[in-house]
Protein backbone atom coordinates (compact mmCIF):
# COMPACT_ATOMS: atom_id res chain seq x y z
CA MET A 1 0.20 0.00 -0.24
CA ARG A 2 2.85 2.29 0.80
CA PHE A 3 4.53 1.86 -2.33
CA LEU A 4 1.21 2.43 -4.17
CA LEU A 5 1.04 5.89 -2.48
CA VAL A 6 4.66 6.56 -3.44
CA LEU A 7 4.46 5.59 -6.73
CA ILE A 8 1.01 8.00 -7.24
CA MET A 9 2.84 11.04 -5.42
CA LEU A 10 5.84 10.82 -7.78
CA CYS A 11 4.00 10.55 -10.89
CA THR A 12 1.97 13.76 -9.83
CA ILE A 13 5.18 15.61 -8.89
CA ASN A 14 6.54 14.30 -12.51
CA SER A 15 3.38 15.19 -14.15
CA ALA A 16 3.52 18.91 -12.81
CA ALA A 17 7.17 19.44 -13.45
CA PHE A 18 6.44 18.40 -17.15
CA CYS A 19 3.36 20.40 -16.89
CA ALA A 20 5.39 23.46 -16.23
CA ARG A 21 7.00 23.28 -19.53
CA GLN A 22 5.42 25.87 -22.28
CA TYR A 23 5.95 23.69 -25.15
CA SER A 24 7.26 20.00 -25.45
CA GLU A 25 11.12 19.27 -26.53
CA LYS A 26 9.62 17.36 -29.64
CA THR A 27 7.81 20.96 -30.94
CA TYR A 28 10.89 23.09 -30.57
CA GLN A 29 12.73 20.20 -32.34
CA LYS A 30 10.44 20.18 -35.04
CA GLN A 31 10.16 24.11 -35.54
CA TRP A 32 14.00 24.54 -35.41
CA CYS A 33 15.06 21.38 -37.66
CA ASN A 34 12.22 22.28 -40.19
CA SER A 35 13.85 25.67 -40.22
CA LYS A 36 17.60 24.21 -40.74
CA GLY A 37 16.57 22.00 -43.69
CA GLY A 38 17.31 19.12 -41.33
CA GLN A 39 16.00 15.69 -40.52
CA LEU A 40 14.18 15.04 -37.92
CA GLU A 41 14.81 11.82 -35.66
CA TYR A 42 17.35 10.41 -37.84
CA GLN A 43 17.92 6.45 -36.74
CA LEU A 44 21.53 5.37 -36.34
CA ASN A 45 22.62 1.76 -37.13
CA ASP A 46 22.25 0.99 -33.31
CA LYS A 47 18.75 2.40 -33.16
CA THR A 48 19.61 5.41 -31.50
CA ARG A 49 18.28 8.65 -32.80
CA VAL A 50 19.68 11.96 -33.41
CA ASP A 51 17.20 14.84 -32.72
CA CYS A 52 17.97 16.39 -36.09
CA LEU A 53 20.29 15.96 -38.61
CA THR A 54 21.81 18.68 -41.05
CA GLU A 55 24.26 18.90 -43.54
CA LYS A 56 26.88 19.80 -40.79
CA TYR A 57 25.44 19.11 -37.57
CA ALA A 58 24.40 16.18 -35.44
CA VAL A 59 21.96 18.07 -32.95
CA GLU A 60 20.72 17.05 -29.47
CA PHE A 61 18.03 19.13 -27.99
CA ASP A 62 17.22 19.23 -24.20
CA PHE A 63 15.96 21.81 -21.64
CA ALA A 64 18.41 23.91 -20.47
CA ASN A 65 18.86 22.55 -17.08
CA LYS A 66 19.81 19.18 -18.75
CA TRP A 67 22.67 20.79 -20.39
CA HIS A 68 25.15 17.98 -19.33
CA GLU A 69 23.07 15.31 -21.05
CA CYS A 70 23.34 17.07 -24.23
CA ILE A 71 27.02 17.23 -24.40
CA GLY A 72 27.33 13.40 -23.89
CA GLN A 73 24.60 12.54 -26.87
CA ALA A 74 26.07 15.47 -29.26
CA LEU A 75 29.30 14.14 -28.83
CA TYR A 76 28.19 10.38 -29.86
CA TYR A 77 25.77 11.26 -32.78
CA GLY A 78 28.71 13.36 -33.90
CA GLN A 79 30.96 10.92 -34.07
CA LYS A 80 28.60 8.23 -35.40
CA THR A 81 27.32 10.37 -38.36
CA LYS A 82 30.67 12.09 -38.87
CA LYS A 83 29.16 15.29 -38.24
CA ILE A 84 29.74 18.29 -36.01
CA PRO A 85 28.32 17.91 -32.69
CA ALA A 86 25.60 20.52 -31.56
CA CYS A 87 23.30 21.17 -28.83
CA VAL A 88 19.95 22.99 -29.17
CA LEU A 89 19.30 24.49 -25.41
CA ILE A 90 15.89 24.91 -24.58
CA MET A 91 15.64 28.30 -22.87
CA GLU A 92 12.21 28.83 -21.63
CA ASN A 93 13.36 31.26 -19.03
CA GLU A 94 15.86 33.45 -20.48
CA GLU A 95 17.05 34.96 -17.12
CA LYS A 96 16.81 32.00 -15.29
CA ASP A 97 18.68 29.85 -17.86
CA VAL A 98 21.55 31.57 -18.91
CA LYS A 99 23.40 30.09 -16.36
CA TYR A 100 23.15 26.51 -17.65
CA LEU A 101 24.18 28.04 -21.54
CA LYS A 102 27.28 29.60 -19.63
CA ARG A 103 28.07 26.01 -18.40
CA LEU A 104 27.56 23.98 -21.35
CA ARG A 105 30.04 26.62 -23.31
CA TYR A 106 32.61 26.50 -20.71
CA ALA A 107 32.37 22.93 -20.41
CA VAL A 108 32.92 22.58 -24.31
CA TYR A 109 34.86 25.75 -25.07
CA ASN A 110 37.20 26.33 -22.54
CA LYS A 111 40.63 25.79 -23.69
CA LYS A 112 39.06 24.18 -26.69
CA ARG A 113 38.18 21.31 -24.78
CA ILE A 114 36.29 19.89 -27.69
CA PRO A 115 37.40 21.26 -31.08
CA GLU A 116 34.68 21.05 -33.14
CA PHE A 117 31.26 21.61 -31.20
CA LYS A 118 28.45 24.06 -31.63
CA THR A 119 25.78 25.42 -29.36
CA PHE A 120 22.53 26.72 -30.24
CA THR A 121 19.49 28.28 -28.15
CA ILE A 122 15.84 28.26 -28.64
CA THR A 123 12.92 30.15 -26.97
CA PRO A 124 9.24 30.19 -27.06
CA ALA A 125 9.47 33.15 -28.75
CA VAL A 126 9.92 31.64 -32.34
CA PHE A 127 6.21 30.49 -31.80
CA LYS A 128 5.03 34.18 -31.62
């Protein structure tokens, strides 16, 4: 019984966090990828999927607070596709999210830790 109660509470909390997003990650992916002439959800031979594959970039999307996850996936997709790895950070609250963008850029650009890497951002303003 306790387990069920805890499970219900976790699902409720998780749903509330998801509902706080203005748009889904997929919505941002579609808008950005289409505007760049890329291919959405490009499937690799190991069944993983690149969020957006363009002529130059293998792009991973994440909400700003998940910047660290974005790096690893983008690097992997870049190696698998022989394209430049890229992250698009979804910044729904630019004032709050800028700290995550700074962390991402520090991790990849400081002392040229990752020679070829590209960062982009997207905000809800693209839908207005």
